[in-house]
Amino acid sequence: MSERLTAREAIARVSSAFTELPAPEGRFAPEGRSASEGRSVADGPIAWQGYDEQHSRAELRTGERESAICGTGTVDGIEVVLISFEFGFLGGSLGERTGDRLEAAYTHARERRLPLVSLIATGGSRMQEGMRALVQLQRVARQSTLTRAAGLPQIAVVRDPSTGGGWATLGAGADVVLALPGAQIGFAGSRVRPADADPAAYTAEAQLAAGHVDAVVTQEELRQTLGRWLTLLTAPSDAPAPPPHALGRAELPATGWEAVQHARSADRPRAAAYLDDYFETREAISGDRSGGVDPGMLCGFGLREGRAIAYAAQCGTATLPAGYRTAARLIRLADRLGVPVLTLIDTPGAANDAAAEHAGAGPAIADAFAAVAAARVPVTTLVIGEGGSGGALALASPGNTWATPDSYFSVIAPELAAAILKRGPDQARATAEQLRLRPQDLVDLGIARGVVSTG
């Protein structure tokens, strides 16, 4: 488990030149009531006996006036708005005055066009303020939505512990979610979980495996990791990503079956090799935020010649529903931030077993199609291996798709096409020729713009 830091120590570990924002004078009040009416004179908005004394003790113990500290600082030379939670202050809980501070921070980020970084350590909403505390989650959600609509990135660093509404809004609602090793993370805090709950299910590592966080990062690596992410997410560009050059064979296939064999060769370069060759540095996002991770889909942002480009790359396996949802998440994030997208196609097709159907293969593929279709940023596609039917086409850019010499793209695999046509297995070769699936055929048919050459 990572070292538990105070809110200010957490800020100091990742940033410099921190300047705290003034504490807002106003108080959150329900619509139709003035701010001065929003809080009871004694013991808070619901007159919780002893609350004022608890609050005063928290101030004395921590030296803070509230559970969240908000201000501006620099991370690797990039100015950001920082929100940091003090868990020692009533468990880092969110109350009305916390909501005032968070709203002011989000507003400042939009006014100054700055990315927002949240260093989260909270047990959730403050019981002593009742429903007036709980509705702060709606307030945070609105501010996050406005900031997202403004095209500004939000990065969450999930510290120990991060539970309840704080995790479900500032944490899970961020564009990129980083977690410290061993951090306790979950909507349910340790005291309200089922008695037989496995504690290991509520850790940073478990949330990563389930697709709810993008990476587990040590405290020592956090500043540099945040710096790289901020560089990648704050560099919009109108220019399309150039297609990578081919890393495999240079000769075009003579026949359709030869194209299929080349694309299926175990020796052919795969997505990771293309990404390593294309980018100077890259950072990955992971998971579909719905409980799934597909190791056969690599998604993230990278720097190429100093320019940020987002990528979604199939790795040659049947793509799972989680893979399509992760790719769609990546494309929509890049679109909001104005970052061009590169997709690499390499799959025999979408996973079509019972588990995939149960996980929503059709809706997930539809979501990927929709993300590509709606993208306002340029999307570039390179077919680097197998282009298996709609499972591959879902990531293809209409009008800006390219192919390598050792790839193919087909309405269906030739063996399956032969079976559908009630032909014998020995007819797969001839069927491959009829399908016109070679890279040069794709160019002739107007599907691909061209065949890329080797470097």
Protein backbone atom coordinates (compact mmCIF):
# COMPACT_ATOMS: atom_id res chain seq x y z
CA MET A 1 0.00 0.00 0.00
CA SER A 2 1.24 3.49 -0.82
CA GLU A 3 2.22 5.99 1.83
CA ARG A 4 -0.83 7.92 3.02
CA LEU A 5 -0.13 11.62 2.46
CA THR A 6 -1.90 14.75 3.60
CA ALA A 7 -3.64 16.82 0.94
CA ARG A 8 -0.78 19.32 0.78
CA GLU A 9 1.88 16.61 0.74
CA ALA A 10 0.06 14.98 -2.18
CA ILE A 11 0.09 18.30 -4.04
CA ALA A 12 3.79 18.86 -3.32
CA ARG A 13 4.70 15.41 -4.66
CA VAL A 14 3.28 16.14 -8.13
CA SER A 15 3.43 19.90 -8.64
CA SER A 16 5.29 23.10 -7.95
CA ALA A 17 4.30 26.75 -7.59
CA PHE A 18 0.97 25.85 -6.01
CA THR A 19 -1.33 28.80 -5.31
CA GLU A 20 -4.48 28.07 -3.35
CA LEU A 21 -7.74 29.52 -4.61
CA PRO A 22 -9.61 31.80 -2.19
CA ALA A 23 -12.26 29.96 -0.21
CA PRO A 24 -15.65 30.83 -1.71
CA GLU A 25 -17.80 33.12 0.43
CA GLY A 26 -21.09 31.67 -0.73
CA ARG A 27 -22.79 28.55 0.55
CA PHE A 28 -24.68 26.06 -1.55
CA ALA A 29 -28.42 26.44 -1.08
CA PRO A 30 -31.40 24.74 -2.72
CA GLU A 31 -33.00 26.65 -5.58
CA GLY A 32 -35.19 29.46 -4.33
CA ARG A 33 -33.23 29.98 -1.09
CA SER A 34 -30.45 32.46 -0.56
CA ALA A 35 -26.97 31.32 0.38
CA SER A 36 -27.39 32.76 3.86
CA GLU A 37 -30.40 30.51 4.36
CA GLY A 38 -28.55 27.44 3.17
CA ARG A 39 -26.98 26.47 6.51
CA SER A 40 -28.33 26.28 10.02
CA VAL A 41 -26.76 28.48 12.66
CA ALA A 42 -25.66 25.57 14.83
CA ASP A 43 -24.41 22.09 14.00
CA GLY A 44 -24.80 22.37 10.25
CA PRO A 45 -27.71 22.23 7.82
CA ILE A 46 -29.56 19.40 9.59
CA ALA A 47 -28.60 20.37 13.16
CA TRP A 48 -26.55 17.22 13.75
CA GLN A 49 -25.72 17.38 17.45
CA GLY A 50 -22.01 17.96 18.01
CA TYR A 51 -21.19 18.60 14.35
CA ASP A 52 -19.70 22.05 14.95
CA GLU A 53 -17.39 20.57 17.58
CA GLN A 54 -16.35 17.73 15.25
CA HIS A 55 -15.65 20.25 12.51
CA SER A 56 -13.55 22.39 14.84
CA ARG A 57 -11.53 19.40 15.98
CA ALA A 58 -10.87 18.46 12.36
CA GLU A 59 -9.60 21.98 11.70
CA LEU A 60 -7.26 21.83 14.67
CA ARG A 61 -6.00 18.36 13.82
CA THR A 62 -5.27 19.05 10.13
CA GLY A 63 -4.78 22.81 9.96
CA GLU A 64 -7.35 22.91 7.16
CA ARG A 65 -10.74 24.59 7.00
CA GLU A 66 -12.33 21.95 4.80
CA SER A 67 -11.77 18.49 3.36
CA ALA A 68 -10.61 19.70 -0.07
CA ILE A 69 -7.82 22.08 -1.06
CA CYS A 70 -8.10 23.69 -4.49
CA GLY A 71 -5.68 25.84 -6.44
CA THR A 72 -3.37 26.12 -9.42
CA GLY A 73 0.08 24.62 -9.84
CA THR A 74 2.43 23.34 -12.49
CA VAL A 75 3.11 19.71 -13.35
CA ASP A 76 6.20 19.30 -15.52
CA GLY A 77 5.79 22.88 -16.70
CA ILE A 78 2.07 22.62 -17.51
CA GLU A 79 -0.30 24.81 -15.48
CA VAL A 80 -3.23 22.91 -14.01
CA VAL A 81 -6.05 23.28 -11.53
CA LEU A 82 -5.47 20.91 -8.61
CA ILE A 83 -8.02 19.45 -6.20
CA SER A 84 -6.59 17.50 -3.28
CA PHE A 85 -8.54 15.80 -0.50
CA GLU A 86 -7.52 15.75 3.14
CA PHE A 87 -8.67 12.40 4.49
CA GLY A 88 -7.80 13.47 8.02
CA PHE A 89 -10.57 16.05 7.84
CA LEU A 90 -13.72 14.09 8.62
CA GLY A 91 -12.62 11.26 6.33
CA GLY A 92 -12.21 13.56 3.33
CA SER A 93 -15.99 13.71 3.17
CA LEU A 94 -17.94 16.02 0.89
CA GLY A 95 -20.11 18.63 2.53
CA GLU A 96 -21.66 21.89 1.33
CA ARG A 97 -18.50 23.90 1.80
CA THR A 98 -16.53 21.19 -0.01
CA GLY A 99 -18.98 21.59 -2.88
CA ASP A 100 -18.38 25.35 -2.89
CA ARG A 101 -14.65 24.77 -3.26
CA LEU A 102 -15.00 22.11 -5.96
CA GLU A 103 -17.35 24.27 -8.01
CA ALA A 104 -14.94 27.20 -7.75
CA ALA A 105 -12.07 24.97 -8.92
CA TYR A 106 -13.97 23.66 -11.94
CA THR A 107 -15.11 27.17 -12.82
CA HIS A 108 -11.54 28.47 -12.58
CA ALA A 109 -10.34 25.67 -14.86
CA ARG A 110 -12.88 26.63 -17.53
CA GLU A 111 -12.21 30.34 -17.23
CA ARG A 112 -8.46 29.84 -17.55
CA ARG A 113 -8.72 26.93 -20.05
CA LEU A 114 -6.67 24.67 -17.75
CA PRO A 115 -6.73 20.90 -17.31
CA LEU A 116 -8.00 19.65 -13.96
CA VAL A 117 -6.20 17.09 -11.80
CA SER A 118 -7.94 15.58 -8.76
CA LEU A 119 -5.94 13.86 -6.00
CA ILE A 120 -8.72 11.92 -4.33
CA ALA A 121 -8.88 10.44 -0.84
CA THR A 122 -12.41 10.45 0.51
CA GLY A 123 -14.95 8.30 2.27
CA GLY A 124 -17.88 9.88 0.44
CA SER A 125 -20.64 12.26 1.49
CA ARG A 126 -20.70 13.80 4.96
CA MET A 127 -23.38 12.16 7.12
CA GLN A 128 -23.57 15.11 9.49
CA GLU A 129 -24.99 17.24 6.68
CA GLY A 130 -27.50 14.66 5.47
CA MET A 131 -29.04 15.09 2.04
CA ARG A 132 -27.56 18.57 1.76
CA ALA A 133 -24.19 16.81 1.57
CA LEU A 134 -25.33 14.09 -0.80
CA VAL A 135 -26.61 16.54 -3.42
CA GLN A 136 -23.07 17.88 -3.75
CA LEU A 137 -22.50 14.86 -5.98
CA GLN A 138 -25.00 16.31 -8.45
CA ARG A 139 -23.18 19.59 -8.23
CA VAL A 140 -19.82 17.94 -8.93
CA ALA A 141 -21.31 15.94 -11.81
CA ARG A 142 -22.62 19.12 -13.42
CA GLN A 143 -19.28 20.88 -13.08
CA SER A 144 -17.48 17.88 -14.54
CA THR A 145 -19.93 17.78 -17.45
CA LEU A 146 -19.48 21.50 -18.17
CA THR A 147 -15.71 21.08 -18.08
CA ARG A 148 -15.92 18.10 -20.41
CA ALA A 149 -18.10 20.08 -22.82
CA ALA A 150 -15.48 22.85 -22.77
CA GLY A 151 -12.95 20.38 -24.18
CA LEU A 152 -10.71 20.34 -21.11
CA PRO A 153 -9.14 17.13 -19.80
CA GLN A 154 -9.79 15.78 -16.31
CA ILE A 155 -7.31 13.39 -14.69
CA ALA A 156 -8.02 11.62 -11.42
CA VAL A 157 -5.35 10.21 -9.13
CA VAL A 158 -7.10 7.78 -6.80
CA ARG A 159 -5.40 7.63 -3.42
CA ASP A 160 -6.16 5.52 -0.35
CA PRO A 161 -9.02 5.32 0.36
CA SER A 162 -11.42 6.54 -2.34
CA THR A 163 -14.96 5.35 -1.82
CA GLY A 164 -18.57 6.47 -2.07
CA GLY A 165 -19.69 9.43 -4.10
CA GLY A 166 -16.21 10.93 -4.34
CA TRP A 167 -15.04 7.88 -6.27
CA ALA A 168 -18.27 7.75 -8.30
CA THR A 169 -17.98 11.38 -9.45
CA LEU A 170 -14.52 12.92 -9.36
CA GLY A 171 -12.78 9.54 -9.68
CA ALA A 172 -14.67 7.28 -12.04
CA GLY A 173 -16.02 10.28 -13.95
CA ALA A 174 -12.58 11.52 -15.02
CA ASP A 175 -11.17 11.10 -18.53
CA VAL A 176 -8.07 9.27 -17.29
CA VAL A 177 -7.98 7.47 -13.95
CA LEU A 178 -4.65 6.65 -12.29
CA ALA A 179 -4.51 4.78 -8.98
CA LEU A 180 -1.84 4.34 -6.34
CA PRO A 181 -0.80 0.76 -5.53
CA GLY A 182 -2.96 -0.96 -2.94
CA ALA A 183 -5.38 1.94 -2.67
CA GLN A 184 -8.83 0.99 -1.38
CA ILE A 185 -11.26 1.94 -4.16
CA GLY A 186 -14.96 1.23 -4.47
CA PHE A 187 -18.40 2.71 -4.21
CA ALA A 188 -18.88 0.79 -0.96
CA GLY A 189 -16.62 1.78 1.92
CA SER A 190 -15.12 -0.82 4.23
CA ARG A 191 -17.81 -0.38 6.92
CA VAL A 192 -20.82 -0.75 4.63
CA ARG A 193 -19.80 -3.69 2.43
CA PRO A 194 -21.39 -7.13 2.76
CA ALA A 195 -19.86 -9.07 5.60
CA ASP A 196 -18.51 -11.74 3.27
CA ALA A 197 -17.06 -9.28 0.73
CA ASP A 198 -13.52 -10.03 -0.42
CA PRO A 199 -11.33 -7.01 0.49
CA ALA A 200 -9.11 -7.74 -2.51
CA ALA A 201 -12.00 -6.82 -4.82
CA TYR A 202 -11.85 -3.24 -3.56
CA THR A 203 -8.24 -2.46 -4.46
CA ALA A 204 -6.60 -0.43 -7.19
CA GLU A 205 -5.31 -3.62 -8.78
CA ALA A 206 -8.79 -5.18 -8.84
CA GLN A 207 -10.29 -2.04 -10.34
CA LEU A 208 -7.60 -2.08 -13.03
CA ALA A 209 -8.35 -5.72 -13.87
CA ALA A 210 -12.05 -4.87 -14.13
CA GLY A 211 -11.47 -1.97 -16.50
CA HIS A 212 -12.35 0.87 -14.11
CA VAL A 213 -8.93 2.53 -13.86
CA ASP A 214 -6.34 3.06 -16.58
CA ALA A 215 -3.12 2.36 -14.68
CA VAL A 216 -1.69 1.70 -11.24
CA VAL A 217 1.21 4.12 -10.74
CA THR A 218 3.63 4.34 -7.83
CA GLN A 219 3.95 7.60 -5.93
CA GLU A 220 7.54 7.89 -7.18
CA GLU A 221 6.44 7.67 -10.82
CA LEU A 222 3.31 9.79 -10.46
CA ARG A 223 4.69 13.25 -11.26
CA GLN A 224 6.32 12.12 -14.51
CA THR A 225 3.29 10.05 -15.50
CA LEU A 226 0.98 13.01 -14.91
CA GLY A 227 3.32 15.22 -16.91
CA ARG A 228 3.24 12.86 -19.88
CA TRP A 229 -0.55 12.59 -19.74
CA LEU A 230 -0.97 16.35 -19.55
CA THR A 231 1.32 16.82 -22.54
CA LEU A 232 -0.70 14.28 -24.53
CA LEU A 233 -4.11 15.63 -23.59
CA THR A 234 -3.43 19.34 -24.08
CA ALA A 235 -2.11 19.34 -27.65
CA PRO A 236 -5.03 19.59 -30.12
CA SER A 237 -4.32 19.36 -33.85
CA ASP A 238 -6.35 19.60 -37.05
CA ALA A 239 -3.90 17.55 -39.13
CA PRO A 240 -4.68 13.86 -39.66
CA ALA A 241 -2.26 11.25 -38.35
CA PRO A 242 -0.03 9.97 -41.17
CA PRO A 243 -0.36 6.23 -41.73
CA PRO A 244 2.58 4.19 -40.39
CA HIS A 245 4.90 2.61 -42.92
CA ALA A 246 4.81 -1.15 -43.36
CA LEU A 247 7.02 -3.19 -41.06
CA GLY A 248 6.55 -6.57 -42.73
CA ARG A 249 6.94 -7.82 -46.27
CA ALA A 250 7.15 -5.33 -49.13
CA GLU A 251 5.78 -7.52 -51.95
CA LEU A 252 2.07 -7.57 -52.76
CA PRO A 253 0.36 -10.99 -52.72
CA ALA A 254 -0.26 -12.63 -56.07
CA THR A 255 -3.52 -14.31 -55.02
CA GLY A 256 -6.28 -13.83 -52.49
CA TRP A 257 -5.30 -16.97 -50.59
CA GLU A 258 -1.69 -15.79 -50.44
CA ALA A 259 -2.92 -12.52 -48.93
CA VAL A 260 -4.81 -14.45 -46.26
CA GLN A 261 -1.79 -16.62 -45.47
CA HIS A 262 0.52 -13.61 -45.20
CA ALA A 263 -1.91 -11.82 -42.87
CA ARG A 264 -2.19 -14.90 -40.66
CA SER A 265 1.54 -15.54 -40.47
CA ALA A 266 2.90 -15.79 -36.95
CA ASP A 267 5.98 -13.87 -38.10
CA ARG A 268 4.05 -10.80 -39.24
CA PRO A 269 4.58 -7.62 -37.14
CA ARG A 270 1.71 -6.93 -34.77
CA ALA A 271 0.16 -3.78 -33.32
CA ALA A 272 2.65 -3.32 -30.48
CA ALA A 273 5.54 -3.26 -32.97
CA TYR A 274 3.76 -0.67 -35.10
CA LEU A 275 3.00 1.53 -32.10
CA ASP A 276 6.56 1.31 -30.78
CA ASP A 277 7.92 2.27 -34.18
CA TYR A 278 5.42 5.08 -34.72
CA PHE A 279 5.50 6.89 -31.36
CA GLU A 280 8.36 8.34 -29.34
CA THR A 281 6.34 7.80 -26.16
CA ARG A 282 2.82 6.67 -25.37
CA GLU A 283 0.45 6.18 -22.46
CA ALA A 284 -2.36 3.62 -22.40
CA ILE A 285 -5.94 3.78 -21.28
CA SER A 286 -7.42 0.50 -20.14
CA GLY A 287 -10.90 -0.89 -19.83
CA ASP A 288 -14.41 -0.10 -20.95
CA ARG A 289 -15.62 1.31 -17.60
CA SER A 290 -18.29 -1.41 -17.62
CA GLY A 291 -16.33 -4.21 -16.01
CA GLY A 292 -14.39 -5.43 -19.04
CA VAL A 293 -10.84 -5.37 -20.42
CA ASP A 294 -9.72 -6.74 -23.79
CA PRO A 295 -5.95 -7.42 -23.91
CA GLY A 296 -6.32 -7.67 -27.69
CA MET A 297 -7.16 -3.97 -28.02
CA LEU A 298 -4.47 -1.38 -27.26
CA CYS A 299 -5.75 2.16 -26.73
CA GLY A 300 -4.12 5.38 -25.61
CA PHE A 301 -2.31 8.53 -26.67
CA GLY A 302 1.19 8.90 -28.04
CA LEU A 303 3.65 11.56 -29.20
CA ARG A 304 4.92 11.46 -32.76
CA GLU A 305 7.38 14.18 -33.75
CA GLY A 306 6.10 16.25 -30.86
CA ARG A 307 2.44 15.90 -31.83
CA ALA A 308 -0.22 14.05 -29.84
CA ILE A 309 -2.13 11.28 -31.63
CA ALA A 310 -4.67 8.91 -30.08
CA TYR A 311 -4.61 5.25 -31.08
CA ALA A 312 -6.86 2.19 -30.98
CA ALA A 313 -5.12 -0.94 -32.20
CA GLN A 314 -6.32 -4.52 -32.59
CA CYS A 315 -3.70 -7.17 -31.82
CA GLY A 316 -4.71 -10.04 -34.10
CA THR A 317 -7.20 -11.72 -31.79
CA ALA A 318 -10.97 -11.85 -31.97
CA THR A 319 -12.07 -8.52 -30.51
CA LEU A 320 -14.16 -8.68 -27.34
CA PRO A 321 -17.09 -6.37 -26.59
CA ALA A 322 -14.91 -4.66 -23.98
CA GLY A 323 -12.38 -3.91 -26.71
CA TYR A 324 -14.92 -2.08 -28.85
CA ARG A 325 -16.23 -0.12 -25.88
CA THR A 326 -12.69 0.86 -24.88
CA ALA A 327 -11.92 1.98 -28.43
CA ALA A 328 -15.13 4.00 -28.55
CA ARG A 329 -14.19 5.64 -25.24
CA LEU A 330 -10.77 6.51 -26.63
CA ILE A 331 -12.14 7.97 -29.86
CA ARG A 332 -14.74 10.10 -28.08
CA LEU A 333 -12.14 11.42 -25.64
CA ALA A 334 -9.75 12.30 -28.47
CA ASP A 335 -12.60 13.98 -30.32
CA ARG A 336 -13.49 16.15 -27.33
CA LEU A 337 -9.87 17.19 -26.89
CA GLY A 338 -9.22 17.80 -30.59
CA VAL A 339 -6.58 15.05 -30.94
CA PRO A 340 -6.40 13.10 -34.24
CA VAL A 341 -6.89 9.33 -34.11
CA LEU A 342 -4.99 6.40 -35.62
CA THR A 343 -6.65 2.97 -35.74
CA LEU A 344 -4.82 -0.25 -36.57
CA ILE A 345 -6.97 -3.10 -37.85
CA ASP A 346 -5.93 -6.67 -37.22
CA THR A 347 -8.61 -9.17 -36.20
CA PRO A 348 -10.12 -12.33 -37.65
CA GLY A 349 -13.41 -10.79 -36.54
CA ALA A 350 -15.43 -9.94 -33.49
CA ALA A 351 -15.66 -12.56 -30.75
CA ASN A 352 -18.94 -14.39 -31.38
CA ASP A 353 -19.18 -17.01 -28.67
CA ALA A 354 -21.94 -17.10 -26.07
CA ALA A 355 -19.90 -15.06 -23.60
CA ALA A 356 -19.39 -12.30 -26.17
CA GLU A 357 -23.07 -12.21 -27.05
CA HIS A 358 -23.95 -12.07 -23.35
CA ALA A 359 -21.51 -9.16 -22.93
CA GLY A 360 -23.21 -7.22 -25.73
CA ALA A 361 -21.15 -7.82 -28.86
CA GLY A 362 -23.68 -6.16 -31.15
CA PRO A 363 -24.19 -2.99 -29.08
CA ALA A 364 -20.44 -2.70 -28.50
CA ILE A 365 -19.67 -2.92 -32.21
CA ALA A 366 -22.44 -0.40 -32.90
CA ASP A 367 -20.87 1.92 -30.34
CA ALA A 368 -17.50 1.74 -32.11
CA PHE A 369 -19.09 2.42 -35.51
CA ALA A 370 -20.92 5.40 -34.00
CA ALA A 371 -17.78 6.82 -32.37
CA VAL A 372 -15.87 6.76 -35.67
CA ALA A 373 -18.83 8.17 -37.60
CA ALA A 374 -19.35 11.04 -35.16
CA ALA A 375 -15.68 12.01 -34.80
CA ARG A 376 -14.93 15.58 -35.83
CA VAL A 377 -11.18 15.01 -35.60
CA PRO A 378 -9.50 13.20 -38.50
CA VAL A 379 -9.31 9.42 -38.17
CA THR A 380 -6.61 7.48 -40.04
CA THR A 381 -6.75 3.69 -40.39
CA LEU A 382 -4.09 1.17 -41.37
CA VAL A 383 -4.96 -2.49 -41.94
CA ILE A 384 -1.87 -4.32 -40.69
CA GLY A 385 -3.12 -7.92 -40.78
CA GLU A 386 -6.50 -9.57 -40.93
CA GLY A 387 -9.50 -7.44 -41.71
CA GLY A 388 -12.28 -9.74 -40.63
CA SER A 389 -15.72 -8.45 -41.56
CA GLY A 390 -17.68 -5.91 -39.49
CA GLY A 391 -15.53 -6.62 -36.46
CA ALA A 392 -12.69 -4.94 -38.33
CA LEU A 393 -14.72 -2.36 -40.23
CA ALA A 394 -16.04 -0.89 -36.96
CA LEU A 395 -12.66 0.84 -36.47
CA ALA A 396 -12.08 1.79 -40.11
CA SER A 397 -12.06 5.40 -41.24
CA PRO A 398 -14.36 6.02 -44.22
CA GLY A 399 -12.18 7.62 -46.90
CA ASN A 400 -8.87 7.44 -45.02
CA THR A 401 -8.06 3.74 -44.74
CA TRP A 402 -4.71 2.31 -45.88
CA ALA A 403 -3.32 -1.23 -46.06
CA THR A 404 0.02 -2.95 -45.66
CA PRO A 405 1.25 -5.50 -48.26
CA ASP A 406 0.73 -8.37 -45.77
CA SER A 407 -2.91 -7.63 -44.98
CA TYR A 408 -6.35 -8.41 -46.29
CA PHE A 409 -9.86 -7.04 -45.74
CA SER A 410 -12.93 -9.10 -46.46
CA VAL A 411 -16.65 -9.17 -45.95
CA ILE A 412 -16.04 -12.53 -44.28
CA ALA A 413 -13.20 -15.04 -43.94
CA PRO A 414 -12.91 -17.18 -47.09
CA GLU A 415 -13.48 -20.43 -45.17
CA LEU A 416 -16.71 -19.09 -43.70
CA ALA A 417 -17.79 -17.68 -47.04
CA ALA A 418 -17.31 -21.12 -48.61
CA ALA A 419 -19.36 -22.72 -45.84
CA ILE A 420 -22.19 -20.22 -46.27
CA LEU A 421 -22.18 -20.89 -50.02
CA LYS A 422 -22.30 -24.63 -49.29
CA ARG A 423 -18.90 -25.20 -50.83
CA GLY A 424 -16.41 -27.71 -49.54
CA PRO A 425 -13.36 -26.71 -47.49
CA ASP A 426 -11.20 -27.23 -50.56
CA GLN A 427 -12.97 -24.27 -52.17
CA ALA A 428 -11.67 -21.73 -49.63
CA ARG A 429 -8.74 -20.79 -51.89
CA ALA A 430 -10.95 -20.11 -54.88
CA THR A 431 -13.43 -18.23 -52.73
CA ALA A 432 -10.65 -15.99 -51.40
CA GLU A 433 -9.89 -15.00 -54.99
CA GLN A 434 -13.52 -14.19 -55.69
CA LEU A 435 -13.80 -11.99 -52.60
CA ARG A 436 -11.14 -9.59 -53.93
CA LEU A 437 -9.63 -9.11 -50.50
CA ARG A 438 -5.99 -8.38 -51.40
CA PRO A 439 -4.62 -4.94 -50.44
CA GLN A 440 -4.35 -3.94 -54.11
CA ASP A 441 -7.95 -5.06 -54.62
CA LEU A 442 -9.03 -2.78 -51.78
CA VAL A 443 -7.44 0.15 -53.58
CA ASP A 444 -9.12 -0.78 -56.89
CA LEU A 445 -12.48 -1.04 -55.13
CA GLY A 446 -12.08 2.38 -53.51
CA ILE A 447 -12.01 0.93 -50.01
CA ALA A 448 -8.38 1.83 -49.32
CA ARG A 449 -6.54 4.97 -50.37
CA GLY A 450 -3.33 3.09 -50.98
CA VAL A 451 -0.87 0.42 -49.87
CA VAL A 452 1.84 1.77 -47.59
CA SER A 453 5.44 0.96 -48.33
CA THR A 454 8.16 -0.22 -45.99
CA GLY A 455 10.28 2.43 -44.31
